[in-house]
Structures are given as structure tokens and as C-alpha cells.
Amino acid sequence: MLKKCLIIASLASIVFAGNVKMNLNARQGASNFHTVGAEKFASLVKKYTDGTVDITVYPGSSLVKGNPLKAVKDGTVAMADMFIPFTAGGGKVFGISALPFIAQSYDDAYKLYQISKPAYEKTARRWNQKLLYSVTWPPSGFYGNKKLESLADFDGVKTRTYDKNSANFVNGAGGNAVALPWGEVYSALRTGLVNSVITSSTSGEDGKFWEVLSDFTKISYAYPLQAVTINLDYWNSLSSSQKDAMLKAAAEVEKSQWKVVKDEDKDALDVMAKNGMHIWEASPKLKKELSKVADKMLNEYLKDANKDTKKIFEEYRK
């Protein structure tokens, strides 16, 4: 009750004569395409509301260092973008986009997102927030010091993974998954604490992995999602016209960002190659071996999943 009162008091201090100021905690740095998208969203909201809703974007998780889902729920920050699979509290549903080899292309990833969206929205409401839009990352690949050619190459690897699914995948393939905050990955590669990473081309470019690793194998492990949400108390303080304007801006940004991500992927691969990193396609043999690990993981995942989650996969496979 006290938290609710504090949120209401905070709202009262930022809402005056229909004008609203809100902060958006962006997980990535200012140059990352997700943060650029959030800045575009804020600009469109200001334009479509005639300046009555003013959103300030704070890159690099400068407002929230911990769990963004909880921070938005509590009203610590009005809005945040968050890496869905890594967001504690999202449960099994939030892990869907990071299950290995479910999506095989950007079109697959978008289809899976549309089918999963109601479940994401339901989870967000349970955490006192509204899902505004979501965009995929480029497909996750494997960074190491040699080309990944078979399951045998996982023997002895110490791989930084980004969620429970990717950790189970690496361990299931015969490697050793290591959980590390993103900010510690580069130094961990330098010191040998880890010698490989599963992540996207964009993150590899951001992390300058060519300085510490030599090879990137495009296994297209998963197309994990990043989402922007807003605290429901803040949302409910808006007028109907402001809400409509915000949803219009969110739809436009989501549509454009799903196109931008493809260019970001290509550009990041080009940058890494120009800096000496070897870029490899995954061989049919490797894909077949990894698919067996993925199939076993999906069966385990669905064992204790609820009916709604199981229906997502039934519909996706139609």
C-alpha cells in the first residue's frame, strides 16, 4: 500500500495540466540499435502527443542496474527496455524466444513473437506493466578460437551464456556454461575465465570480440527478444488520446526495428570480418547434431509448461 501511495505521489509531481514526463531505462549503450529505437519511440511520442508526453531515454542501464521488470513494477522507473529471456520473474513464457532452433529465420522469429505476444502481455500485466513493443536481436551465434564443426568441439569450452536456456544448451552439448554480467565478459575472455560466448553479431561488434577471439560460427541458435514496457499506474494516468499516440508510436517503431535488425546483423558481421574475425556458416552436420540437443531441451521445457504455453508451440508448428 505504501509503494502504491508513493507511485501516486510521484505521478502527481510529474503530471500537470495533462503534461507528463517519464524516464525510460535503456539496457544497451547509446549507439546500440535497440537504444536508438527507444530514442525514436520517445521522439514520435512527443510528436504525436503535441509535446504533452515527454520521455527521456537513459542508455546503458544508468537508471536501473538490477531487474528492470521489478523496477517498472514498483514505479522506480516509469519505462524500461529489457532483454526478455534474461528478465527474472518472466517465468517460462519469457524464455520462449531463447529456446534453441525454434525460429530458423527472422520471419520465423516474428511469427513466434506474434503467437507468444498475448502470453507476454499477460505476464507484463501481472507485473503491473504494459508491453508496448518488442524487437528481436540478430540470431545468436558461437564465438570461440576455432570454427565450430561438431559437438566434439564443445569439449573443454567455457562459454558465457545469457540465460537458463543457453546454459542448458551448452551443457547439453558437452561444454561448460558460465553465467557472467555482460560488463565482465571482455575481461573474462582476456583472463581465460571463459573462452567462448553465445550471443548476437551486434553484441560481438559492441564487445569488440575480434580483440580476444578469432572465430564466429553462425549457428543461429535463437532470435531472443528485447521489449519496452511501461508501468500501469503511469499508463493509466494518460488520457485516451495520449495512449493512442503512444501505441501508434510503438507500432511504428516495432515495424521499422524489425527491418533495421537485419541491416544491423549484416553491418556487424562486416565490421567483425574487417577486423580479422573469421565468419563461418554452420555445416549441415553441426546443425543436425545441435538439433538433437535442442529437441531434448524443448521436450524438457514443455513437460511442466501450462496449457497456454503448449498451445503457443502447437499453433507455431501449424
C-alpha atoms as a PDB file:
ATOM      1  CA  MET A   1       0.000   0.000   0.000  1.00  0.00           C
ATOM      2  CA  LEU A   2       2.859   2.373   0.854  1.00  0.00           C
ATOM      3  CA  LYS A   3       4.522   1.679  -2.516  1.00  0.00           C
ATOM      4  CA  LYS A   4       1.240   2.420  -4.277  1.00  0.00           C
ATOM      5  CA  CYS A   5       0.905   5.731  -2.455  1.00  0.00           C
ATOM      6  CA  LEU A   6       4.490   6.662  -3.342  1.00  0.00           C
ATOM      7  CA  ILE A   7       3.855   5.908  -7.015  1.00  0.00           C
ATOM      8  CA  ILE A   8       0.686   8.024  -6.984  1.00  0.00           C
ATOM      9  CA  ALA A   9       2.583  10.856  -5.293  1.00  0.00           C
ATOM     10  CA  SER A  10       5.319  10.569  -7.892  1.00  0.00           C
ATOM     11  CA  LEU A  11       2.767  10.687 -10.670  1.00  0.00           C
ATOM     12  CA  ALA A  12       1.193  13.768  -9.189  1.00  0.00           C
ATOM     13  CA  SER A  13       4.552  15.503  -9.264  1.00  0.00           C
ATOM     14  CA  ILE A  14       5.116  14.837 -12.982  1.00  0.00           C
ATOM     15  CA  VAL A  15       1.596  15.289 -14.333  1.00  0.00           C
ATOM     16  CA  PHE A  16       0.393  18.867 -14.608  1.00  0.00           C
ATOM     17  CA  ALA A  17      -2.384  20.099 -16.870  1.00  0.00           C
ATOM     18  CA  GLY A  18      -2.132  16.946 -18.973  1.00  0.00           C
ATOM     19  CA  ASN A  19       1.645  17.156 -19.422  1.00  0.00           C
ATOM     20  CA  VAL A  20       3.634  14.038 -18.494  1.00  0.00           C
ATOM     21  CA  LYS A  21       7.373  13.478 -18.078  1.00  0.00           C
ATOM     22  CA  MET A  22       8.724   9.938 -17.913  1.00  0.00           C
ATOM     23  CA  ASN A  23      12.122   8.236 -17.894  1.00  0.00           C
ATOM     24  CA  LEU A  24      12.953   5.139 -19.946  1.00  0.00           C
ATOM     25  CA  ASN A  25      15.829   2.946 -18.793  1.00  0.00           C
ATOM     26  CA  ALA A  26      17.559   1.527 -21.871  1.00  0.00           C
ATOM     27  CA  ARG A  27      19.605  -1.613 -21.285  1.00  0.00           C
ATOM     28  CA  GLN A  28      22.177  -1.077 -24.046  1.00  0.00           C
ATOM     29  CA  GLY A  29      24.554   1.799 -24.785  1.00  0.00           C
ATOM     30  CA  ALA A  30      23.538   4.855 -26.783  1.00  0.00           C
ATOM     31  CA  SER A  31      24.783   3.523 -30.135  1.00  0.00           C
ATOM     32  CA  ASN A  32      23.032   0.137 -29.924  1.00  0.00           C
ATOM     33  CA  PHE A  33      20.103  -0.158 -32.328  1.00  0.00           C
ATOM     34  CA  HIS A  34      17.653  -1.052 -29.532  1.00  0.00           C
ATOM     35  CA  THR A  35      18.509   2.183 -27.725  1.00  0.00           C
ATOM     36  CA  VAL A  36      18.335   4.130 -30.989  1.00  0.00           C
ATOM     37  CA  GLY A  37      14.877   2.621 -31.433  1.00  0.00           C
ATOM     38  CA  ALA A  38      13.865   3.721 -27.943  1.00  0.00           C
ATOM     39  CA  GLU A  39      15.027   7.266 -28.747  1.00  0.00           C
ATOM     40  CA  LYS A  40      12.950   7.190 -31.937  1.00  0.00           C
ATOM     41  CA  PHE A  41       9.958   5.981 -29.930  1.00  0.00           C
ATOM     42  CA  ALA A  42      10.343   8.851 -27.450  1.00  0.00           C
ATOM     43  CA  SER A  43      10.594  11.346 -30.310  1.00  0.00           C
ATOM     44  CA  LEU A  44       7.461  10.001 -32.013  1.00  0.00           C
ATOM     45  CA  VAL A  45       5.507  10.020 -28.744  1.00  0.00           C
ATOM     46  CA  LYS A  46       6.410  13.658 -28.215  1.00  0.00           C
ATOM     47  CA  LYS A  47       5.388  14.464 -31.796  1.00  0.00           C
ATOM     48  CA  TYR A  48       2.085  12.569 -31.740  1.00  0.00           C
ATOM     49  CA  THR A  49       1.078  13.975 -28.324  1.00  0.00           C
ATOM     50  CA  ASP A  50       1.959  17.550 -29.333  1.00  0.00           C
ATOM     51  CA  GLY A  51       4.613  17.580 -26.654  1.00  0.00           C
ATOM     52  CA  THR A  52       2.317  16.605 -23.775  1.00  0.00           C
ATOM     53  CA  VAL A  53       4.231  13.358 -23.147  1.00  0.00           C
ATOM     54  CA  ASP A  54       7.985  13.810 -22.811  1.00  0.00           C
ATOM     55  CA  ILE A  55      10.112  10.648 -22.461  1.00  0.00           C
ATOM     56  CA  THR A  56      13.820  10.826 -21.605  1.00  0.00           C
ATOM     57  CA  VAL A  57      15.874   7.764 -22.537  1.00  0.00           C
ATOM     58  CA  TYR A  58      18.785   6.778 -20.279  1.00  0.00           C
ATOM     59  CA  PRO A  59      21.199   4.391 -22.082  1.00  0.00           C
ATOM     60  CA  GLY A  60      23.439   1.775 -20.527  1.00  0.00           C
ATOM     61  CA  SER A  61      21.066   0.810 -17.684  1.00  0.00           C
ATOM     62  CA  SER A  62      22.061   4.051 -15.976  1.00  0.00           C
ATOM     63  CA  LEU A  63      18.787   4.200 -14.023  1.00  0.00           C
ATOM     64  CA  VAL A  64      18.297   0.505 -13.233  1.00  0.00           C
ATOM     65  CA  LYS A  65      21.196  -1.839 -12.541  1.00  0.00           C
ATOM     66  CA  GLY A  66      19.070  -4.733 -11.305  1.00  0.00           C
ATOM     67  CA  ASN A  67      15.875  -6.371 -12.533  1.00  0.00           C
ATOM     68  CA  PRO A  68      14.033  -3.962 -14.905  1.00  0.00           C
ATOM     69  CA  LEU A  69      10.779  -5.921 -14.623  1.00  0.00           C
ATOM     70  CA  LYS A  70      10.690  -5.283 -10.871  1.00  0.00           C
ATOM     71  CA  ALA A  71      11.824  -1.664 -11.263  1.00  0.00           C
ATOM     72  CA  VAL A  72       8.950  -0.892 -13.633  1.00  0.00           C
ATOM     73  CA  LYS A  73       6.508  -2.831 -11.446  1.00  0.00           C
ATOM     74  CA  ASP A  74       7.440  -0.770  -8.393  1.00  0.00           C
ATOM     75  CA  GLY A  75       7.477   2.518 -10.305  1.00  0.00           C
ATOM     76  CA  THR A  76      11.190   3.010  -9.614  1.00  0.00           C
ATOM     77  CA  VAL A  77      11.314   3.878 -13.296  1.00  0.00           C
ATOM     78  CA  ALA A  78       8.283   4.572 -15.484  1.00  0.00           C
ATOM     79  CA  MET A  79       9.545   2.646 -18.512  1.00  0.00           C
ATOM     80  CA  ALA A  80      12.313   0.235 -19.463  1.00  0.00           C
ATOM     81  CA  ASP A  81      13.542  -1.873 -22.297  1.00  0.00           C
ATOM     82  CA  MET A  82      14.580  -5.338 -21.230  1.00  0.00           C
ATOM     83  CA  PHE A  83      16.096  -8.490 -22.646  1.00  0.00           C
ATOM     84  CA  ILE A  84      13.086 -10.781 -22.236  1.00  0.00           C
ATOM     85  CA  PRO A  85      14.805 -14.182 -21.765  1.00  0.00           C
ATOM     86  CA  PHE A  86      17.133 -12.759 -19.106  1.00  0.00           C
ATOM     87  CA  THR A  87      14.359 -10.990 -17.164  1.00  0.00           C
ATOM     88  CA  ALA A  88      13.832 -12.629 -13.782  1.00  0.00           C
ATOM     89  CA  GLY A  89      10.149 -13.008 -12.960  1.00  0.00           C
ATOM     90  CA  GLY A  90       9.010 -13.644 -16.522  1.00  0.00           C
ATOM     91  CA  GLY A  91       8.952 -17.384 -15.929  1.00  0.00           C
ATOM     92  CA  LYS A  92       8.852 -19.992 -18.679  1.00  0.00           C
ATOM     93  CA  VAL A  93       6.964 -17.699 -21.051  1.00  0.00           C
ATOM     94  CA  PHE A  94       9.765 -15.138 -21.181  1.00  0.00           C
ATOM     95  CA  GLY A  95      12.173 -17.884 -22.227  1.00  0.00           C
ATOM     96  CA  ILE A  96      10.312 -18.837 -25.399  1.00  0.00           C
ATOM     97  CA  SER A  97      12.283 -16.680 -27.827  1.00  0.00           C
ATOM     98  CA  ALA A  98      15.579 -18.053 -26.497  1.00  0.00           C
ATOM     99  CA  LEU A  99      14.773 -21.739 -26.984  1.00  0.00           C
ATOM    100  CA  PRO A 100      17.319 -23.161 -29.439  1.00  0.00           C
ATOM    101  CA  PHE A 101      16.438 -23.548 -33.113  1.00  0.00           C
ATOM    102  CA  ILE A 102      12.689 -22.964 -32.681  1.00  0.00           C
ATOM    103  CA  ALA A 103      12.956 -19.975 -35.019  1.00  0.00           C
ATOM    104  CA  GLN A 104      15.102 -20.551 -38.110  1.00  0.00           C
ATOM    105  CA  SER A 105      14.772 -17.107 -39.676  1.00  0.00           C
ATOM    106  CA  TYR A 106      13.599 -13.551 -38.999  1.00  0.00           C
ATOM    107  CA  ASP A 107      10.199 -14.483 -40.424  1.00  0.00           C
ATOM    108  CA  ASP A 108      10.006 -17.443 -38.042  1.00  0.00           C
ATOM    109  CA  ALA A 109      11.018 -15.205 -35.138  1.00  0.00           C
ATOM    110  CA  TYR A 110       8.298 -12.685 -35.973  1.00  0.00           C
ATOM    111  CA  LYS A 111       5.674 -15.411 -36.302  1.00  0.00           C
ATOM    112  CA  LEU A 112       6.683 -16.880 -32.930  1.00  0.00           C
ATOM    113  CA  TYR A 113       6.560 -13.401 -31.375  1.00  0.00           C
ATOM    114  CA  GLN A 114       3.044 -12.737 -32.662  1.00  0.00           C
ATOM    115  CA  ILE A 115       1.788 -16.066 -31.325  1.00  0.00           C
ATOM    116  CA  SER A 116       3.549 -15.560 -27.980  1.00  0.00           C
ATOM    117  CA  LYS A 117       2.578 -11.902 -27.611  1.00  0.00           C
ATOM    118  CA  PRO A 118      -0.647 -12.471 -25.614  1.00  0.00           C
ATOM    119  CA  ALA A 119       1.340 -14.551 -23.112  1.00  0.00           C
ATOM    120  CA  TYR A 120       3.985 -11.816 -22.841  1.00  0.00           C
ATOM    121  CA  GLU A 121       1.270  -9.208 -22.322  1.00  0.00           C
ATOM    122  CA  LYS A 122      -0.379 -11.330 -19.625  1.00  0.00           C
ATOM    123  CA  THR A 123       2.927 -11.710 -17.776  1.00  0.00           C
ATOM    124  CA  ALA A 124       3.591  -7.981 -18.063  1.00  0.00           C
ATOM    125  CA  ARG A 125       0.162  -7.174 -16.555  1.00  0.00           C
ATOM    126  CA  ARG A 126       0.919  -9.499 -13.667  1.00  0.00           C
ATOM    127  CA  TRP A 127       3.970  -7.320 -13.068  1.00  0.00           C
ATOM    128  CA  ASN A 128       1.939  -4.090 -13.178  1.00  0.00           C
ATOM    129  CA  GLN A 129       3.034  -3.008 -16.630  1.00  0.00           C
ATOM    130  CA  LYS A 130       2.024  -2.874 -20.260  1.00  0.00           C
ATOM    131  CA  LEU A 131       4.056  -4.279 -23.135  1.00  0.00           C
ATOM    132  CA  LEU A 132       4.462  -1.549 -25.751  1.00  0.00           C
ATOM    133  CA  TYR A 133       6.650  -3.191 -28.383  1.00  0.00           C
ATOM    134  CA  SER A 134       9.254  -5.875 -28.851  1.00  0.00           C
ATOM    135  CA  VAL A 135      12.050  -6.459 -31.356  1.00  0.00           C
ATOM    136  CA  THR A 136      14.363  -9.393 -31.956  1.00  0.00           C
ATOM    137  CA  TRP A 137      18.125  -9.421 -31.685  1.00  0.00           C
ATOM    138  CA  PRO A 138      20.144 -10.826 -34.588  1.00  0.00           C
ATOM    139  CA  PRO A 139      20.414 -14.607 -34.260  1.00  0.00           C
ATOM    140  CA  SER A 140      22.781 -15.818 -31.572  1.00  0.00           C
ATOM    141  CA  GLY A 141      25.966 -17.451 -32.800  1.00  0.00           C
ATOM    142  CA  PHE A 142      29.037 -19.032 -31.222  1.00  0.00           C
ATOM    143  CA  TYR A 143      32.251 -17.055 -30.649  1.00  0.00           C
ATOM    144  CA  GLY A 144      35.437 -19.002 -29.973  1.00  0.00           C
ATOM    145  CA  ASN A 145      39.004 -19.567 -31.088  1.00  0.00           C
ATOM    146  CA  LYS A 146      38.174 -22.035 -33.840  1.00  0.00           C
ATOM    147  CA  LYS A 147      35.365 -22.896 -36.223  1.00  0.00           C
ATOM    148  CA  LEU A 148      32.606 -24.896 -34.557  1.00  0.00           C
ATOM    149  CA  GLU A 149      32.251 -28.041 -36.658  1.00  0.00           C
ATOM    150  CA  SER A 150      30.716 -30.727 -34.426  1.00  0.00           C
ATOM    151  CA  LEU A 151      29.557 -31.486 -30.886  1.00  0.00           C
ATOM    152  CA  ALA A 152      33.078 -32.681 -30.154  1.00  0.00           C
ATOM    153  CA  ASP A 153      34.217 -29.048 -30.370  1.00  0.00           C
ATOM    154  CA  PHE A 154      32.202 -28.223 -27.234  1.00  0.00           C
ATOM    155  CA  ASP A 155      34.524 -30.393 -25.164  1.00  0.00           C
ATOM    156  CA  GLY A 156      36.511 -28.132 -22.853  1.00  0.00           C
ATOM    157  CA  VAL A 157      34.802 -24.874 -23.804  1.00  0.00           C
ATOM    158  CA  LYS A 158      33.877 -22.397 -21.095  1.00  0.00           C
ATOM    159  CA  THR A 159      31.045 -20.422 -22.625  1.00  0.00           C
ATOM    160  CA  ARG A 160      29.417 -17.255 -21.358  1.00  0.00           C
ATOM    161  CA  THR A 161      25.676 -17.785 -21.786  1.00  0.00           C
ATOM    162  CA  TYR A 162      22.879 -15.256 -21.357  1.00  0.00           C
ATOM    163  CA  ASP A 163      20.005 -17.233 -19.790  1.00  0.00           C
ATOM    164  CA  LYS A 164      18.973 -20.628 -18.439  1.00  0.00           C
ATOM    165  CA  ASN A 165      18.140 -21.980 -21.889  1.00  0.00           C
ATOM    166  CA  SER A 166      21.503 -21.107 -23.428  1.00  0.00           C
ATOM    167  CA  ALA A 167      23.267 -22.514 -20.357  1.00  0.00           C
ATOM    168  CA  ASN A 168      21.355 -25.808 -20.633  1.00  0.00           C
ATOM    169  CA  PHE A 169      22.167 -25.892 -24.342  1.00  0.00           C
ATOM    170  CA  VAL A 170      25.924 -25.504 -23.860  1.00  0.00           C
ATOM    171  CA  ASN A 171      25.995 -28.013 -21.014  1.00  0.00           C
ATOM    172  CA  GLY A 172      23.849 -30.433 -23.034  1.00  0.00           C
ATOM    173  CA  ALA A 173      26.255 -30.152 -25.963  1.00  0.00           C
ATOM    174  CA  GLY A 174      29.156 -31.145 -23.701  1.00  0.00           C
ATOM    175  CA  GLY A 175      30.535 -27.729 -22.796  1.00  0.00           C
ATOM    176  CA  ASN A 176      30.615 -25.702 -19.597  1.00  0.00           C
ATOM    177  CA  ALA A 177      28.235 -22.753 -19.299  1.00  0.00           C
ATOM    178  CA  VAL A 178      29.367 -19.749 -17.270  1.00  0.00           C
ATOM    179  CA  ALA A 179      26.982 -17.024 -16.050  1.00  0.00           C
ATOM    180  CA  LEU A 180      28.516 -13.549 -16.211  1.00  0.00           C
ATOM    181  CA  PRO A 181      27.165  -9.991 -16.401  1.00  0.00           C
ATOM    182  CA  TRP A 182      27.776  -8.501 -19.836  1.00  0.00           C
ATOM    183  CA  GLY A 183      30.121  -5.883 -18.389  1.00  0.00           C
ATOM    184  CA  GLU A 184      32.519  -8.616 -17.233  1.00  0.00           C
ATOM    185  CA  VAL A 185      32.621 -10.690 -20.435  1.00  0.00           C
ATOM    186  CA  TYR A 186      35.516  -8.947 -22.189  1.00  0.00           C
ATOM    187  CA  SER A 187      37.825  -9.108 -19.158  1.00  0.00           C
ATOM    188  CA  ALA A 188      36.792 -12.741 -18.553  1.00  0.00           C
ATOM    189  CA  LEU A 189      37.842 -13.563 -22.122  1.00  0.00           C
ATOM    190  CA  ARG A 190      41.138 -11.765 -21.550  1.00  0.00           C
ATOM    191  CA  THR A 191      41.906 -13.728 -18.395  1.00  0.00           C
ATOM    192  CA  GLY A 192      40.643 -17.092 -19.655  1.00  0.00           C
ATOM    193  CA  LEU A 193      37.767 -17.362 -17.202  1.00  0.00           C
ATOM    194  CA  VAL A 194      35.728 -18.062 -20.337  1.00  0.00           C
ATOM    195  CA  ASN A 195      36.968 -18.859 -23.839  1.00  0.00           C
ATOM    196  CA  SER A 196      33.762 -18.581 -25.833  1.00  0.00           C
ATOM    197  CA  VAL A 197      30.444 -16.725 -25.929  1.00  0.00           C
ATOM    198  CA  ILE A 198      26.961 -17.307 -27.307  1.00  0.00           C
ATOM    199  CA  THR A 199      25.464 -14.016 -28.422  1.00  0.00           C
ATOM    200  CA  SER A 200      24.490 -11.963 -31.463  1.00  0.00           C
ATOM    201  CA  SER A 201      26.623 -10.351 -34.152  1.00  0.00           C
ATOM    202  CA  THR A 202      25.628  -6.927 -32.806  1.00  0.00           C
ATOM    203  CA  SER A 203      26.849  -7.797 -29.319  1.00  0.00           C
ATOM    204  CA  GLY A 204      30.060  -9.195 -30.770  1.00  0.00           C
ATOM    205  CA  GLU A 205      30.644  -5.896 -32.524  1.00  0.00           C
ATOM    206  CA  ASP A 206      29.766  -3.907 -29.397  1.00  0.00           C
ATOM    207  CA  GLY A 207      32.141  -6.071 -27.357  1.00  0.00           C
ATOM    208  CA  LYS A 208      34.989  -5.915 -29.919  1.00  0.00           C
ATOM    209  CA  PHE A 209      35.346  -9.666 -29.641  1.00  0.00           C
ATOM    210  CA  TRP A 210      37.866  -9.761 -32.502  1.00  0.00           C
ATOM    211  CA  GLU A 211      40.406  -8.476 -29.965  1.00  0.00           C
ATOM    212  CA  VAL A 212      40.069 -11.602 -27.815  1.00  0.00           C
ATOM    213  CA  LEU A 213      38.542 -14.302 -30.062  1.00  0.00           C
ATOM    214  CA  SER A 214      39.164 -15.387 -33.641  1.00  0.00           C
ATOM    215  CA  ASP A 215      36.045 -17.127 -34.943  1.00  0.00           C
ATOM    216  CA  PHE A 216      32.264 -16.702 -35.147  1.00  0.00           C
ATOM    217  CA  THR A 217      30.133 -19.657 -36.248  1.00  0.00           C
ATOM    218  CA  LYS A 218      26.639 -18.668 -37.381  1.00  0.00           C
ATOM    219  CA  ILE A 219      24.664 -21.435 -35.699  1.00  0.00           C
ATOM    220  CA  SER A 220      21.576 -19.168 -35.480  1.00  0.00           C
ATOM    221  CA  TYR A 221      20.910 -20.592 -32.041  1.00  0.00           C
ATOM    222  CA  ALA A 222      17.929 -18.308 -31.283  1.00  0.00           C
ATOM    223  CA  TYR A 223      16.305 -14.948 -32.025  1.00  0.00           C
ATOM    224  CA  PRO A 224      15.788 -13.556 -28.485  1.00  0.00           C
ATOM    225  CA  LEU A 225      13.525 -10.568 -27.928  1.00  0.00           C
ATOM    226  CA  GLN A 226      14.009  -7.154 -26.356  1.00  0.00           C
ATOM    227  CA  ALA A 227      10.851  -5.398 -25.139  1.00  0.00           C
ATOM    228  CA  VAL A 228       9.787  -1.948 -23.923  1.00  0.00           C
ATOM    229  CA  THR A 229       7.195  -1.749 -21.145  1.00  0.00           C
ATOM    230  CA  ILE A 230       5.501   0.973 -19.108  1.00  0.00           C
ATOM    231  CA  ASN A 231       4.275   0.924 -15.506  1.00  0.00           C
ATOM    232  CA  LEU A 232       0.470   0.567 -15.479  1.00  0.00           C
ATOM    233  CA  ASP A 233      -0.006   3.404 -13.000  1.00  0.00           C
ATOM    234  CA  TYR A 234       1.821   5.733 -15.367  1.00  0.00           C
ATOM    235  CA  TRP A 235      -0.097   4.289 -18.314  1.00  0.00           C
ATOM    236  CA  ASN A 236      -3.453   4.794 -16.593  1.00  0.00           C
ATOM    237  CA  SER A 237      -2.564   8.416 -15.810  1.00  0.00           C
ATOM    238  CA  LEU A 238      -2.519   9.203 -19.536  1.00  0.00           C
ATOM    239  CA  SER A 239      -5.510  10.500 -21.449  1.00  0.00           C
ATOM    240  CA  SER A 240      -7.059   8.284 -24.119  1.00  0.00           C
ATOM    241  CA  SER A 241      -5.537  10.419 -26.868  1.00  0.00           C
ATOM    242  CA  GLN A 242      -2.085  10.158 -25.261  1.00  0.00           C
ATOM    243  CA  LYS A 243      -2.440   6.381 -25.014  1.00  0.00           C
ATOM    244  CA  ASP A 244      -3.464   6.155 -28.664  1.00  0.00           C
ATOM    245  CA  ALA A 245      -0.480   8.296 -29.660  1.00  0.00           C
ATOM    246  CA  MET A 246       1.898   6.117 -27.644  1.00  0.00           C
ATOM    247  CA  LEU A 247       0.530   2.916 -29.195  1.00  0.00           C
ATOM    248  CA  LYS A 248       0.833   4.462 -32.665  1.00  0.00           C
ATOM    249  CA  ALA A 249       4.477   5.335 -31.978  1.00  0.00           C
ATOM    250  CA  ALA A 250       5.144   1.855 -30.560  1.00  0.00           C
ATOM    251  CA  ALA A 251       3.660   0.140 -33.622  1.00  0.00           C
ATOM    252  CA  GLU A 252       5.750   2.272 -35.991  1.00  0.00           C
ATOM    253  CA  VAL A 253       8.978   1.679 -34.099  1.00  0.00           C
ATOM    254  CA  GLU A 254       8.350  -2.047 -33.799  1.00  0.00           C
ATOM    255  CA  LYS A 255       7.720  -2.329 -37.544  1.00  0.00           C
ATOM    256  CA  SER A 256      10.800  -0.325 -38.503  1.00  0.00           C
ATOM    257  CA  GLN A 257      13.086  -2.020 -35.957  1.00  0.00           C
ATOM    258  CA  TRP A 258      12.239  -5.491 -37.259  1.00  0.00           C
ATOM    259  CA  LYS A 259      13.656  -4.251 -40.575  1.00  0.00           C
ATOM    260  CA  VAL A 260      16.604  -2.416 -39.030  1.00  0.00           C
ATOM    261  CA  VAL A 261      17.799  -5.541 -37.189  1.00  0.00           C
ATOM    262  CA  LYS A 262      18.590  -7.281 -40.482  1.00  0.00           C
ATOM    263  CA  ASP A 263      20.850  -4.414 -41.569  1.00  0.00           C
ATOM    264  CA  GLU A 264      22.427  -4.316 -38.109  1.00  0.00           C
ATOM    265  CA  ASP A 265      23.224  -8.012 -38.381  1.00  0.00           C
ATOM    266  CA  LYS A 266      24.892  -7.624 -41.780  1.00  0.00           C
ATOM    267  CA  ASP A 267      26.801  -4.495 -40.762  1.00  0.00           C
ATOM    268  CA  ALA A 268      28.076  -6.121 -37.560  1.00  0.00           C
ATOM    269  CA  LEU A 269      29.299  -9.191 -39.452  1.00  0.00           C
ATOM    270  CA  ASP A 270      31.087  -6.919 -41.936  1.00  0.00           C
ATOM    271  CA  VAL A 271      32.770  -4.945 -39.140  1.00  0.00           C
ATOM    272  CA  MET A 272      33.955  -8.113 -37.401  1.00  0.00           C
ATOM    273  CA  ALA A 273      35.297  -9.569 -40.664  1.00  0.00           C
ATOM    274  CA  LYS A 274      37.152  -6.355 -41.479  1.00  0.00           C
ATOM    275  CA  ASN A 275      38.777  -6.562 -38.058  1.00  0.00           C
ATOM    276  CA  GLY A 276      40.072 -10.054 -38.717  1.00  0.00           C
ATOM    277  CA  MET A 277      37.398 -12.309 -37.262  1.00  0.00           C
ATOM    278  CA  HIS A 278      36.656 -15.437 -39.281  1.00  0.00           C
ATOM    279  CA  ILE A 279      32.927 -15.790 -40.013  1.00  0.00           C
ATOM    280  CA  TRP A 280      31.657 -19.317 -40.640  1.00  0.00           C
ATOM    281  CA  GLU A 281      28.350 -20.807 -41.734  1.00  0.00           C
ATOM    282  CA  ALA A 282      27.205 -23.792 -39.690  1.00  0.00           C
ATOM    283  CA  SER A 283      27.643 -27.091 -41.534  1.00  0.00           C
ATOM    284  CA  PRO A 284      24.672 -29.469 -42.088  1.00  0.00           C
ATOM    285  CA  LYS A 285      26.396 -31.983 -39.791  1.00  0.00           C
ATOM    286  CA  LEU A 286      26.704 -29.449 -36.973  1.00  0.00           C
ATOM    287  CA  LYS A 287      23.085 -28.317 -37.403  1.00  0.00           C
ATOM    288  CA  LYS A 288      21.875 -31.915 -37.224  1.00  0.00           C
ATOM    289  CA  GLU A 289      23.838 -32.637 -34.056  1.00  0.00           C
ATOM    290  CA  LEU A 290      22.754 -29.408 -32.358  1.00  0.00           C
ATOM    291  CA  SER A 291      19.121 -30.002 -33.318  1.00  0.00           C
ATOM    292  CA  LYS A 292      19.140 -33.231 -31.295  1.00  0.00           C
ATOM    293  CA  VAL A 293      20.267 -31.276 -28.218  1.00  0.00           C
ATOM    294  CA  ALA A 294      17.597 -28.650 -28.921  1.00  0.00           C
ATOM    295  CA  ASP A 295      14.825 -31.234 -29.333  1.00  0.00           C
ATOM    296  CA  LYS A 296      15.677 -32.773 -25.975  1.00  0.00           C
ATOM    297  CA  MET A 297      15.600 -29.316 -24.368  1.00  0.00           C
ATOM    298  CA  LEU A 298      12.201 -28.483 -25.859  1.00  0.00           C
ATOM    299  CA  ASN A 299      10.724 -31.741 -24.579  1.00  0.00           C
ATOM    300  CA  GLU A 300      12.038 -30.959 -21.090  1.00  0.00           C
ATOM    301  CA  TYR A 301      10.753 -27.381 -21.339  1.00  0.00           C
ATOM    302  CA  LEU A 302       7.226 -28.497 -22.279  1.00  0.00           C
ATOM    303  CA  LYS A 303       6.966 -31.200 -19.605  1.00  0.00           C
ATOM    304  CA  ASP A 304       5.782 -28.838 -16.870  1.00  0.00           C
ATOM    305  CA  ALA A 305       4.597 -25.988 -19.103  1.00  0.00           C
ATOM    306  CA  ASN A 306       0.985 -24.853 -18.725  1.00  0.00           C
ATOM    307  CA  LYS A 307      -1.645 -25.348 -21.437  1.00  0.00           C
ATOM    308  CA  ASP A 308      -1.307 -21.803 -22.763  1.00  0.00           C
ATOM    309  CA  THR A 309       2.431 -22.224 -23.304  1.00  0.00           C
ATOM    310  CA  LYS A 310       1.972 -25.597 -25.006  1.00  0.00           C
ATOM    311  CA  LYS A 311      -0.659 -24.062 -27.308  1.00  0.00           C
ATOM    312  CA  ILE A 312       1.902 -21.496 -28.474  1.00  0.00           C
ATOM    313  CA  PHE A 313       4.066 -24.253 -29.916  1.00  0.00           C
ATOM    314  CA  GLU A 314       1.087 -26.126 -31.340  1.00  0.00           C
ATOM    315  CA  GLU A 315      -0.013 -23.026 -33.222  1.00  0.00           C
ATOM    316  CA  TYR A 316       3.528 -22.136 -34.272  1.00  0.00           C
ATOM    317  CA  ARG A 317       4.014 -25.536 -35.890  1.00  0.00           C
ATOM    318  CA  LYS A 318       0.825 -25.364 -37.970  1.00  0.00           C
END
